[in-house]
Amino acid sequence: MSRDNPSYYMQIPQENLYIACDDLEFAWDKQEVKKVRGEWRKGTDISEIAKIVDREIDEVFLLLLDQARSGYIEPRKNGILGGI
């Protein structure tokens, strides 16, 4: 069975199943996403973005990774540390 099939993970015995980052929230309100994108474009560092949207830094990192992979944000000078 392919890992692309959502049923794949249902086949793994519960005692062998490990879900990475299960303590993080992956869902975002679209307004929050727009806010994060805007702060990214302004050069705000990731820790400050996390404070602005009241989220864990790791959650902001994952959103930024997603947005970069999807082409919504561009690389910037100093990366997640800030600067444009």
Protein backbone atom coordinates (compact mmCIF):
# COMPACT_ATOMS: atom_id res chain seq x y z
CA MET A 1 0.00 0.00 0.00
CA SER A 2 1.31 3.45 -0.92
CA ARG A 3 1.98 6.10 1.72
CA ASP A 4 0.04 8.50 -0.52
CA ASN A 5 -3.08 6.56 0.35
CA PRO A 6 -4.66 7.98 3.55
CA SER A 7 -5.59 4.43 4.59
CA TYR A 8 -1.90 3.51 4.83
CA TYR A 9 -1.59 4.97 8.31
CA MET A 10 -4.75 3.22 9.46
CA GLN A 11 -2.92 -0.08 8.78
CA ILE A 12 -0.10 0.68 11.23
CA PRO A 13 -0.72 -0.89 14.63
CA GLN A 14 -1.39 1.81 17.24
CA GLU A 15 1.61 0.77 19.34
CA ASN A 16 3.90 1.31 16.31
CA LEU A 17 2.40 4.60 15.17
CA TYR A 18 4.37 7.79 15.75
CA ILE A 19 2.94 11.15 14.72
CA ALA A 20 5.56 13.88 14.47
CA CYS A 21 4.78 17.22 16.09
CA ASP A 22 1.40 16.11 17.38
CA ASP A 23 1.59 18.86 19.99
CA LEU A 24 1.53 21.58 17.31
CA GLU A 25 -1.49 23.21 15.70
CA PHE A 26 -1.33 22.96 11.90
CA ALA A 27 -4.57 24.78 11.09
CA TRP A 28 -4.50 28.51 10.38
CA ASP A 29 -7.19 31.11 9.79
CA LYS A 30 -6.71 32.70 6.36
CA GLN A 31 -6.43 36.15 7.96
CA GLU A 32 -3.58 34.85 10.14
CA VAL A 33 -1.85 33.49 7.05
CA LYS A 34 -2.11 36.89 5.36
CA LYS A 35 -0.74 38.55 8.51
CA VAL A 36 2.24 36.17 8.62
CA ARG A 37 2.95 36.75 4.91
CA GLY A 38 2.84 40.51 5.44
CA GLU A 39 5.18 40.36 8.42
CA TRP A 40 7.53 38.13 6.42
CA ARG A 41 7.61 40.64 3.57
CA LYS A 42 8.29 43.48 6.04
CA GLY A 43 11.33 41.59 7.33
CA THR A 44 9.96 40.71 10.77
CA ASP A 45 11.90 37.89 12.45
CA ILE A 46 10.14 34.61 13.18
CA SER A 47 10.03 35.07 16.97
CA GLU A 48 8.30 38.44 16.57
CA ILE A 49 5.86 36.99 14.01
CA ALA A 50 5.02 34.25 16.53
CA LYS A 51 4.25 36.88 19.18
CA ILE A 52 2.12 38.92 16.75
CA VAL A 53 -0.07 35.94 15.82
CA ASP A 54 0.14 34.36 19.31
CA ARG A 55 1.48 31.03 18.05
CA GLU A 56 4.43 28.78 18.81
CA ILE A 57 7.56 29.57 16.80
CA ASP A 58 7.54 26.02 15.43
CA GLU A 59 3.99 26.51 14.12
CA VAL A 60 5.02 29.73 12.38
CA PHE A 61 8.06 27.96 10.95
CA LEU A 62 5.87 25.22 9.49
CA LEU A 63 3.52 27.79 7.97
CA LEU A 64 6.46 29.68 6.45
CA LEU A 65 7.83 26.43 5.05
CA ASP A 66 4.42 25.70 3.52
CA GLN A 67 4.11 29.21 2.10
CA ALA A 68 7.61 29.08 0.58
CA ARG A 69 6.97 25.66 -0.98
CA SER A 70 3.69 26.96 -2.40
CA GLY A 71 5.36 30.07 -3.82
CA TYR A 72 3.50 32.60 -1.65
CA ILE A 73 6.64 34.01 -0.03
CA GLU A 74 10.16 34.50 -1.34
CA PRO A 75 13.50 33.92 0.33
CA ARG A 76 14.85 37.03 2.05
CA LYS A 77 18.11 38.29 3.45
CA ASN A 78 18.82 36.59 6.80
CA GLY A 79 15.95 34.12 6.24
CA ILE A 80 13.78 33.50 9.30
CA LEU A 81 15.91 35.83 11.39
CA GLY A 82 14.57 38.85 9.55
CA GLY A 83 15.68 41.53 7.18
CA ILE A 84 14.74 42.04 3.57
